[in-house]
Amino acid sequence: QVQLVESGGGLVQPGGSLRLSCAASGNIFSINVMGWYRQAPGKQRELVAYITSGGGTNYADSVKGRFTISRDNAKNTLYLQMNSLKPEDTAVYYCNAERSVLGTSYDYWGQGTQVTVSS
């Protein structure tokens, strides 16, 4: 099992910044990919960014150049630095971890943290 706990959400004005954190615990050694997803009211959950165990990253087009995903392996923590925030970034942000064991993949999710961008 893997436990994920997000923090860092809140209310911010357009153009502002926030940094989300996701602390991982449990069987973290076989985690291949970690990522951030978000879900706005009335919309489907969508991928924001992910980072592989090798450090490769990928971003949704809507956040490229504004968001940066990173991980601190010593602290078992995933981050999402969000700059130049827009009202359309308002959503619940979820941390995700994909773990592979003997060829089977398992997905784990955090409880989510609310990000609201509004003046």
N, C-alpha and C. Protein backbone atom coordinates (compact mmCIF):
# COMPACT_ATOMS: atom_id res chain seq x y z
N GLN A 1 0.83 -1.20 0.00
CA GLN A 1 0.00 0.00 0.00
C GLN A 1 0.87 1.25 0.00
N VAL A 2 0.34 2.29 -0.59
CA VAL A 2 1.00 3.59 -0.60
C VAL A 2 0.00 4.62 -0.10
N GLN A 3 0.44 5.46 0.81
CA GLN A 3 -0.41 6.54 1.31
C GLN A 3 0.14 7.87 0.78
N LEU A 4 -0.79 8.71 0.33
CA LEU A 4 -0.43 10.01 -0.24
C LEU A 4 -1.22 11.09 0.48
N VAL A 5 -0.53 12.12 0.93
CA VAL A 5 -1.19 13.22 1.64
C VAL A 5 -0.77 14.53 1.00
N GLU A 6 -1.75 15.23 0.42
CA GLU A 6 -1.47 16.52 -0.22
C GLU A 6 -1.62 17.67 0.76
N SER A 7 -0.93 18.75 0.45
CA SER A 7 -1.07 19.99 1.21
C SER A 7 -0.67 21.15 0.31
N GLY A 8 -1.01 22.36 0.75
CA GLY A 8 -0.57 23.56 0.04
C GLY A 8 -1.62 24.27 -0.77
N GLY A 9 -2.82 23.72 -0.85
CA GLY A 9 -3.86 24.41 -1.60
C GLY A 9 -4.35 25.65 -0.87
N GLY A 10 -5.21 26.40 -1.55
CA GLY A 10 -5.76 27.60 -0.93
C GLY A 10 -6.34 28.55 -1.95
N LEU A 11 -6.60 29.76 -1.49
CA LEU A 11 -7.15 30.81 -2.33
C LEU A 11 -6.03 31.76 -2.74
N VAL A 12 -5.95 32.05 -4.03
CA VAL A 12 -4.90 32.93 -4.53
C VAL A 12 -5.50 33.81 -5.63
N GLN A 13 -4.96 35.00 -5.79
CA GLN A 13 -5.43 35.90 -6.83
C GLN A 13 -4.85 35.51 -8.19
N PRO A 14 -5.53 35.86 -9.26
CA PRO A 14 -4.97 35.61 -10.59
C PRO A 14 -3.57 36.21 -10.72
N GLY A 15 -2.67 35.43 -11.31
CA GLY A 15 -1.28 35.85 -11.44
C GLY A 15 -0.41 35.41 -10.28
N GLY A 16 -1.02 34.90 -9.24
CA GLY A 16 -0.27 34.48 -8.06
C GLY A 16 0.33 33.09 -8.20
N SER A 17 0.94 32.62 -7.10
CA SER A 17 1.62 31.33 -7.09
C SER A 17 1.20 30.52 -5.88
N LEU A 18 1.30 29.22 -6.04
CA LEU A 18 1.10 28.26 -4.95
C LEU A 18 2.03 27.09 -5.19
N ARG A 19 2.43 26.42 -4.10
CA ARG A 19 3.18 25.19 -4.23
C ARG A 19 2.44 24.09 -3.49
N LEU A 20 2.09 23.05 -4.23
CA LEU A 20 1.46 21.88 -3.64
C LEU A 20 2.52 20.85 -3.28
N SER A 21 2.27 20.14 -2.19
CA SER A 21 3.16 19.06 -1.76
C SER A 21 2.35 17.78 -1.60
N CYS A 22 3.01 16.67 -1.83
CA CYS A 22 2.38 15.36 -1.66
C CYS A 22 3.39 14.44 -0.98
N ALA A 23 3.11 14.11 0.27
CA ALA A 23 4.00 13.24 1.04
C ALA A 23 3.58 11.79 0.85
N ALA A 24 4.52 10.95 0.44
CA ALA A 24 4.24 9.54 0.19
C ALA A 24 4.83 8.70 1.31
N SER A 25 4.11 7.65 1.68
CA SER A 25 4.60 6.70 2.69
C SER A 25 4.08 5.32 2.35
N GLY A 26 4.65 4.32 3.02
CA GLY A 26 4.27 2.93 2.75
C GLY A 26 5.25 2.28 1.79
N ASN A 27 4.76 1.46 0.88
CA ASN A 27 5.60 0.72 -0.06
C ASN A 27 5.95 1.60 -1.26
N ILE A 28 6.83 2.54 -1.06
CA ILE A 28 7.13 3.53 -2.08
C ILE A 28 8.26 3.12 -3.00
N PHE A 29 8.94 2.01 -2.71
CA PHE A 29 10.16 1.68 -3.44
C PHE A 29 9.89 1.29 -4.88
N SER A 30 8.72 0.78 -5.18
CA SER A 30 8.44 0.36 -6.54
C SER A 30 7.51 1.34 -7.27
N ILE A 31 7.48 2.58 -6.81
CA ILE A 31 6.70 3.59 -7.52
C ILE A 31 7.45 4.01 -8.78
N ASN A 32 6.79 3.93 -9.92
CA ASN A 32 7.41 4.30 -11.19
C ASN A 32 7.15 5.74 -11.56
N VAL A 33 5.90 6.15 -11.41
CA VAL A 33 5.49 7.48 -11.87
C VAL A 33 4.64 8.12 -10.78
N MET A 34 4.87 9.41 -10.60
CA MET A 34 4.00 10.19 -9.72
C MET A 34 3.50 11.40 -10.49
N GLY A 35 2.30 11.80 -10.19
CA GLY A 35 1.74 12.91 -10.96
C GLY A 35 0.69 13.68 -10.20
N TRP A 36 0.28 14.76 -10.82
CA TRP A 36 -0.80 15.60 -10.30
C TRP A 36 -1.94 15.61 -11.32
N TYR A 37 -3.13 15.43 -10.81
CA TYR A 37 -4.34 15.54 -11.60
C TYR A 37 -5.21 16.63 -10.97
N ARG A 38 -6.18 17.10 -11.71
CA ARG A 38 -7.12 18.07 -11.14
C ARG A 38 -8.51 17.81 -11.70
N GLN A 39 -9.49 18.22 -10.89
CA GLN A 39 -10.88 18.07 -11.30
C GLN A 39 -11.64 19.33 -10.91
N ALA A 40 -12.14 20.02 -11.92
CA ALA A 40 -12.96 21.20 -11.70
C ALA A 40 -14.43 20.78 -11.61
N PRO A 41 -15.27 21.59 -10.99
CA PRO A 41 -16.69 21.24 -10.87
C PRO A 41 -17.32 20.98 -12.23
N GLY A 42 -18.00 19.84 -12.33
CA GLY A 42 -18.69 19.50 -13.57
C GLY A 42 -17.81 19.00 -14.68
N LYS A 43 -16.52 18.81 -14.39
CA LYS A 43 -15.59 18.34 -15.42
C LYS A 43 -14.93 17.04 -14.98
N GLN A 44 -14.36 16.36 -15.97
CA GLN A 44 -13.64 15.12 -15.67
C GLN A 44 -12.26 15.43 -15.09
N ARG A 45 -11.76 14.47 -14.34
CA ARG A 45 -10.40 14.61 -13.81
C ARG A 45 -9.42 14.58 -14.98
N GLU A 46 -8.43 15.47 -14.93
CA GLU A 46 -7.47 15.55 -16.02
C GLU A 46 -6.04 15.56 -15.48
N LEU A 47 -5.14 15.05 -16.29
CA LEU A 47 -3.72 15.04 -15.93
C LEU A 47 -3.17 16.46 -16.02
N VAL A 48 -2.43 16.86 -15.01
CA VAL A 48 -1.74 18.15 -15.01
C VAL A 48 -0.27 17.95 -15.38
N ALA A 49 0.39 17.04 -14.69
CA ALA A 49 1.81 16.78 -14.94
C ALA A 49 2.19 15.48 -14.27
N TYR A 50 3.24 14.83 -14.81
CA TYR A 50 3.78 13.66 -14.13
C TYR A 50 5.29 13.66 -14.23
N ILE A 51 5.90 12.87 -13.34
CA ILE A 51 7.35 12.73 -13.33
C ILE A 51 7.67 11.26 -13.10
N THR A 52 8.62 10.75 -13.87
CA THR A 52 8.99 9.34 -13.76
C THR A 52 10.09 9.16 -12.71
N SER A 53 10.36 7.91 -12.41
CA SER A 53 11.43 7.61 -11.45
C SER A 53 12.78 8.06 -11.98
N GLY A 54 12.90 8.16 -13.31
CA GLY A 54 14.15 8.63 -13.91
C GLY A 54 14.23 10.14 -14.03
N GLY A 55 13.16 10.83 -13.63
CA GLY A 55 13.18 12.28 -13.66
C GLY A 55 12.54 12.90 -14.89
N GLY A 56 12.05 12.09 -15.80
CA GLY A 56 11.37 12.63 -16.97
C GLY A 56 10.05 13.25 -16.58
N THR A 57 9.69 14.33 -17.25
CA THR A 57 8.45 15.03 -16.92
C THR A 57 7.59 15.24 -18.16
N ASN A 58 6.30 15.45 -17.90
CA ASN A 58 5.36 15.75 -18.96
C ASN A 58 4.27 16.63 -18.39
N TYR A 59 3.80 17.59 -19.20
CA TYR A 59 2.82 18.55 -18.74
C TYR A 59 1.64 18.65 -19.70
N ALA A 60 0.49 18.96 -19.16
CA ALA A 60 -0.65 19.32 -19.99
C ALA A 60 -0.34 20.64 -20.70
N ASP A 61 -0.83 20.77 -21.91
CA ASP A 61 -0.55 22.00 -22.67
C ASP A 61 -1.00 23.25 -21.92
N SER A 62 -2.09 23.11 -21.17
CA SER A 62 -2.67 24.28 -20.50
C SER A 62 -1.79 24.82 -19.37
N VAL A 63 -0.81 24.04 -18.91
CA VAL A 63 0.02 24.49 -17.79
C VAL A 63 1.50 24.61 -18.15
N LYS A 64 1.85 24.24 -19.36
CA LYS A 64 3.26 24.33 -19.77
C LYS A 64 3.78 25.74 -19.63
N GLY A 65 4.97 25.85 -19.07
CA GLY A 65 5.58 27.16 -18.88
C GLY A 65 5.13 27.87 -17.61
N ARG A 66 4.11 27.34 -16.94
CA ARG A 66 3.61 27.97 -15.71
C ARG A 66 3.79 27.06 -14.50
N PHE A 67 3.65 25.77 -14.69
CA PHE A 67 3.74 24.80 -13.59
C PHE A 67 5.02 24.00 -13.72
N THR A 68 5.58 23.60 -12.58
CA THR A 68 6.76 22.76 -12.55
C THR A 68 6.56 21.63 -11.55
N ILE A 69 6.73 20.40 -12.01
CA ILE A 69 6.62 19.24 -11.13
C ILE A 69 8.03 18.81 -10.73
N SER A 70 8.18 18.39 -9.48
CA SER A 70 9.49 17.92 -9.02
C SER A 70 9.27 16.93 -7.88
N ARG A 71 10.32 16.19 -7.55
CA ARG A 71 10.22 15.24 -6.44
C ARG A 71 11.51 15.26 -5.65
N ASP A 72 11.37 15.13 -4.34
CA ASP A 72 12.51 15.04 -3.43
C ASP A 72 12.50 13.62 -2.90
N ASN A 73 13.36 12.77 -3.46
CA ASN A 73 13.36 11.36 -3.08
C ASN A 73 13.77 11.15 -1.62
N ALA A 74 14.61 12.03 -1.10
CA ALA A 74 15.06 11.89 0.29
C ALA A 74 13.90 12.14 1.25
N LYS A 75 12.97 13.00 0.83
CA LYS A 75 11.82 13.32 1.69
C LYS A 75 10.56 12.58 1.27
N ASN A 76 10.68 11.77 0.20
CA ASN A 76 9.51 11.05 -0.33
C ASN A 76 8.34 12.00 -0.59
N THR A 77 8.66 13.13 -1.21
CA THR A 77 7.66 14.15 -1.42
C THR A 77 7.66 14.62 -2.87
N LEU A 78 6.46 14.80 -3.38
CA LEU A 78 6.23 15.32 -4.73
C LEU A 78 5.73 16.75 -4.60
N TYR A 79 6.16 17.60 -5.53
CA TYR A 79 5.77 19.01 -5.50
C TYR A 79 5.16 19.43 -6.84
N LEU A 80 4.35 20.46 -6.76
CA LEU A 80 3.86 21.12 -7.96
C LEU A 80 3.92 22.62 -7.70
N GLN A 81 4.88 23.29 -8.35
CA GLN A 81 4.99 24.73 -8.26
C GLN A 81 4.10 25.34 -9.34
N MET A 82 3.15 26.16 -8.91
CA MET A 82 2.19 26.74 -9.85
C MET A 82 2.36 28.26 -9.86
N ASN A 83 2.75 28.79 -10.99
CA ASN A 83 2.93 30.23 -11.15
C ASN A 83 1.94 30.77 -12.17
N SER A 84 1.78 32.09 -12.17
CA SER A 84 0.88 32.76 -13.12
C SER A 84 -0.49 32.08 -13.16
N LEU A 85 -1.03 31.85 -11.99
CA LEU A 85 -2.30 31.12 -11.90
C LEU A 85 -3.44 31.89 -12.53
N LYS A 86 -4.36 31.13 -13.13
CA LYS A 86 -5.52 31.68 -13.81
C LYS A 86 -6.79 31.15 -13.15
N PRO A 87 -7.90 31.85 -13.30
CA PRO A 87 -9.15 31.33 -12.73
C PRO A 87 -9.49 29.93 -13.22
N GLU A 88 -9.11 29.61 -14.45
CA GLU A 88 -9.42 28.27 -14.97
C GLU A 88 -8.56 27.18 -14.35
N ASP A 89 -7.59 27.54 -13.53
CA ASP A 89 -6.81 26.55 -12.79
C ASP A 89 -7.54 26.11 -11.51
N THR A 90 -8.65 26.75 -11.21
CA THR A 90 -9.42 26.39 -10.02
C THR A 90 -9.93 24.96 -10.13
N ALA A 91 -9.59 24.16 -9.13
CA ALA A 91 -9.96 22.74 -9.13
C ALA A 91 -9.49 22.10 -7.84
N VAL A 92 -9.92 20.87 -7.63
CA VAL A 92 -9.33 20.03 -6.60
C VAL A 92 -8.15 19.30 -7.25
N TYR A 93 -6.99 19.41 -6.64
CA TYR A 93 -5.78 18.80 -7.17
C TYR A 93 -5.47 17.52 -6.40
N TYR A 94 -5.22 16.45 -7.15
CA TYR A 94 -4.98 15.13 -6.56
C TYR A 94 -3.57 14.65 -6.91
N CYS A 95 -2.92 14.08 -5.94
CA CYS A 95 -1.64 13.43 -6.14
C CYS A 95 -1.89 11.96 -6.51
N ASN A 96 -1.10 11.46 -7.44
CA ASN A 96 -1.24 10.07 -7.89
C ASN A 96 0.11 9.39 -7.92
N ALA A 97 0.12 8.11 -7.57
CA ALA A 97 1.34 7.30 -7.67
C ALA A 97 1.00 6.00 -8.37
N GLU A 98 1.84 5.62 -9.31
CA GLU A 98 1.68 4.34 -10.01
C GLU A 98 2.81 3.42 -9.59
N ARG A 99 2.44 2.26 -9.09
CA ARG A 99 3.41 1.32 -8.56
C ARG A 99 3.27 0.01 -9.33
N SER A 100 4.38 -0.59 -9.71
CA SER A 100 4.37 -1.85 -10.44
C SER A 100 4.95 -2.95 -9.58
N VAL A 101 4.21 -4.05 -9.49
CA VAL A 101 4.67 -5.20 -8.73
C VAL A 101 4.43 -6.44 -9.60
N LEU A 102 5.53 -7.10 -9.97
CA LEU A 102 5.45 -8.34 -10.76
C LEU A 102 4.58 -8.16 -12.00
N GLY A 103 4.75 -7.04 -12.67
CA GLY A 103 4.05 -6.81 -13.92
C GLY A 103 2.65 -6.26 -13.77
N THR A 104 2.19 -6.09 -12.55
CA THR A 104 0.85 -5.52 -12.32
C THR A 104 0.99 -4.11 -11.79
N SER A 105 0.20 -3.19 -12.38
CA SER A 105 0.27 -1.79 -11.96
C SER A 105 -0.85 -1.47 -10.98
N TYR A 106 -0.52 -0.66 -10.01
CA TYR A 106 -1.49 -0.23 -9.01
C TYR A 106 -1.46 1.30 -8.95
N ASP A 107 -2.65 1.89 -8.85
CA ASP A 107 -2.79 3.34 -8.75
C ASP A 107 -3.20 3.72 -7.34
N TYR A 108 -2.58 4.76 -6.83
CA TYR A 108 -2.93 5.28 -5.50
C TYR A 108 -3.22 6.77 -5.63
N TRP A 109 -4.17 7.24 -4.80
CA TRP A 109 -4.59 8.64 -4.87
C TRP A 109 -4.59 9.26 -3.49
N GLY A 110 -4.28 10.55 -3.46
CA GLY A 110 -4.44 11.31 -2.25
C GLY A 110 -5.89 11.78 -2.12
N GLN A 111 -6.16 12.51 -1.04
CA GLN A 111 -7.52 12.94 -0.77
C GLN A 111 -7.90 14.21 -1.52
N GLY A 112 -6.91 14.89 -2.07
CA GLY A 112 -7.16 16.10 -2.84
C GLY A 112 -6.99 17.36 -2.02
N THR A 113 -6.61 18.43 -2.68
CA THR A 113 -6.48 19.73 -2.04
C THR A 113 -7.07 20.79 -2.97
N GLN A 114 -7.87 21.67 -2.41
CA GLN A 114 -8.59 22.66 -3.21
C GLN A 114 -7.69 23.84 -3.55
N VAL A 115 -7.69 24.20 -4.84
CA VAL A 115 -7.02 25.40 -5.30
C VAL A 115 -8.07 26.31 -5.93
N THR A 116 -8.18 27.51 -5.42
CA THR A 116 -9.14 28.48 -5.95
C THR A 116 -8.40 29.74 -6.38
N VAL A 117 -8.57 30.10 -7.65
CA VAL A 117 -7.93 31.30 -8.19
C VAL A 117 -9.03 32.32 -8.47
N SER A 118 -9.04 33.37 -7.68
CA SER A 118 -10.12 34.34 -7.79
C SER A 118 -9.69 35.66 -7.19
N SER A 119 -10.20 36.73 -7.75
CA SER A 119 -9.93 38.06 -7.19
C SER A 119 -11.03 38.45 -6.22
